[in-house]
C-alpha atoms as a PDB file:
ATOM      1  CA  MET A   1      -0.026  -0.064  -0.010  1.00  0.00           C
ATOM      2  CA  GLU A   2       1.242   3.439  -0.891  1.00  0.00           C
ATOM      3  CA  GLU A   3       0.514   6.732   0.980  1.00  0.00           C
ATOM      4  CA  VAL A   4       0.185   9.915  -1.013  1.00  0.00           C
ATOM      5  CA  VAL A   5      -0.473  13.516  -0.220  1.00  0.00           C
ATOM      6  CA  VAL A   6      -3.517  15.440  -1.465  1.00  0.00           C
ATOM      7  CA  ASP A   7      -2.482  18.974  -2.591  1.00  0.00           C
ATOM      8  CA  GLY A   8      -4.448  22.184  -2.081  1.00  0.00           C
ATOM      9  CA  ARG A   9      -6.294  21.586  -5.409  1.00  0.00           C
ATOM     10  CA  GLY A  10      -7.358  18.104  -4.481  1.00  0.00           C
ATOM     11  CA  ARG A  11      -4.803  16.368  -6.659  1.00  0.00           C
ATOM     12  CA  ILE A  12      -2.694  13.338  -5.847  1.00  0.00           C
ATOM     13  CA  LEU A  13       0.360  11.955  -7.520  1.00  0.00           C
ATOM     14  CA  ILE A  14      -0.094   8.138  -8.297  1.00  0.00           C
ATOM     15  CA  PRO A  15       3.482   6.619  -8.093  1.00  0.00           C
ATOM     16  CA  LYS A  16       4.846   5.565 -11.523  1.00  0.00           C
ATOM     17  CA  GLU A  17       5.114   1.917 -10.461  1.00  0.00           C
ATOM     18  CA  LEU A  18       1.385   1.792  -9.611  1.00  0.00           C
ATOM     19  CA  ARG A  19       0.396   3.583 -12.811  1.00  0.00           C
ATOM     20  CA  GLU A  20       2.320   1.073 -14.864  1.00  0.00           C
ATOM     21  CA  LYS A  21       0.804  -1.835 -13.065  1.00  0.00           C
ATOM     22  CA  VAL A  22      -2.712  -0.889 -14.039  1.00  0.00           C
ATOM     23  CA  GLY A  23      -1.957   0.752 -17.428  1.00  0.00           C
ATOM     24  CA  LEU A  24      -2.597   4.386 -16.600  1.00  0.00           C
ATOM     25  CA  LYS A  25      -0.624   6.514 -19.092  1.00  0.00           C
ATOM     26  CA  PRO A  26      -0.055  10.287 -19.198  1.00  0.00           C
ATOM     27  CA  GLY A  27      -2.988  12.071 -20.631  1.00  0.00           C
ATOM     28  CA  SER A  28      -5.287   9.139 -20.310  1.00  0.00           C
ATOM     29  CA  GLY A  29      -8.512   9.181 -18.387  1.00  0.00           C
ATOM     30  CA  ALA A  30      -9.327   7.196 -15.151  1.00  0.00           C
ATOM     31  CA  ARG A  31     -12.446   6.135 -13.413  1.00  0.00           C
ATOM     32  CA  LEU A  32     -13.200   7.043  -9.900  1.00  0.00           C
ATOM     33  CA  GLU A  33     -15.614   5.162  -7.702  1.00  0.00           C
ATOM     34  CA  VAL A  34     -16.474   5.405  -3.943  1.00  0.00           C
ATOM     35  CA  LYS A  35     -17.033   2.067  -2.398  1.00  0.00           C
ATOM     36  CA  ASN A  36     -17.246   1.370   1.373  1.00  0.00           C
ATOM     37  CA  GLY A  37     -15.620   4.798   2.187  1.00  0.00           C
ATOM     38  CA  GLN A  38     -12.723   4.268  -0.277  1.00  0.00           C
ATOM     39  CA  ILE A  39     -11.878   5.909  -3.529  1.00  0.00           C
ATOM     40  CA  ILE A  40     -11.046   3.303  -6.244  1.00  0.00           C
ATOM     41  CA  ILE A  41      -9.198   4.472  -9.228  1.00  0.00           C
ATOM     42  CA  THR A  42      -9.291   2.305 -12.330  1.00  0.00           C
ATOM     43  CA  PRO A  43      -8.185   2.754 -15.962  1.00  0.00           C
ATOM     44  CA  PRO A  44     -10.918   3.846 -18.464  1.00  0.00           C
ATOM     45  CA  LEU A  45     -13.147   1.261 -20.011  1.00  0.00           C
ATOM     46  CA  SER A  46     -12.342   0.026 -23.525  1.00  0.00           C
ATOM     47  CA  PRO A  47     -15.302   0.293 -25.823  1.00  0.00           C
ATOM     48  CA  GLN A  48     -15.844  -3.450 -25.704  1.00  0.00           C
ATOM     49  CA  ASP A  49     -15.781  -3.462 -21.884  1.00  0.00           C
ATOM     50  CA  PHE A  50     -18.212  -0.606 -21.849  1.00  0.00           C
ATOM     51  CA  ILE A  51     -20.700  -2.467 -24.026  1.00  0.00           C
ATOM     52  CA  ARG A  52     -20.320  -5.600 -21.736  1.00  0.00           C
ATOM     53  CA  GLU A  53     -20.882  -3.479 -18.655  1.00  0.00           C
ATOM     54  CA  MET A  54     -24.022  -1.885 -20.238  1.00  0.00           C
ATOM     55  CA  GLU A  55     -25.647  -5.169 -21.389  1.00  0.00           C
ATOM     56  CA  GLY A  56     -29.123  -5.497 -20.006  1.00  0.00           C
ATOM     57  CA  PHE A  57     -29.615  -1.828 -19.134  1.00  0.00           C
ATOM     58  CA  MET A  58     -31.080  -0.957 -22.520  1.00  0.00           C
ATOM     59  CA  THR A  59     -34.131  -2.953 -23.377  1.00  0.00           C
ATOM     60  CA  GLU A  60     -36.075  -0.634 -25.740  1.00  0.00           C
ATOM     61  CA  GLY A  61     -35.463   0.511 -29.272  1.00  0.00           C
ATOM     62  CA  GLU A  62     -33.093  -0.674 -31.950  1.00  0.00           C
ATOM     63  CA  PRO A  63     -29.783  -2.150 -30.971  1.00  0.00           C
ATOM     64  CA  ILE A  64     -26.814   0.261 -31.463  1.00  0.00           C
ATOM     65  CA  ASP A  65     -23.541  -1.251 -32.343  1.00  0.00           C
ATOM     66  CA  ASP A  66     -21.507   1.971 -32.168  1.00  0.00           C
ATOM     67  CA  PRO A  67     -20.167   2.067 -28.508  1.00  0.00           C
ATOM     68  CA  LEU A  68     -19.746   5.806 -28.569  1.00  0.00           C
ATOM     69  CA  LYS A  69     -23.458   6.239 -29.390  1.00  0.00           C
ATOM     70  CA  VAL A  70     -24.354   3.869 -26.567  1.00  0.00           C
ATOM     71  CA  LYS A  71     -22.047   5.893 -24.250  1.00  0.00           C
ATOM     72  CA  HIS A  72     -23.705   9.128 -25.263  1.00  0.00           C
ATOM     73  CA  ILE A  73     -27.185   7.706 -24.596  1.00  0.00           C
ATOM     74  CA  TRP A  74     -26.067   6.345 -21.210  1.00  0.00           C
ATOM     75  CA  GLU A  75     -24.585   9.753 -20.161  1.00  0.00           C
ATOM     76  CA  LYS A  76     -28.050  11.411 -20.616  1.00  0.00           C
END
């Protein structure tokens, strides 16, 4: 487990070794989730993983096979 410091703007520096282990690269996004009082940071979903995660949520209308369109609908 690593300990980091939160700066005055709410930023933390994730050590390089940890970023490399999970595939976080400079300029890439990350996902944040609060679970049981902890902040969990994960790499962004690939379009394929996003579609798998969303399966079952959309039951009406025509199927959409463009993951960016599905993401846009989900964000609304």
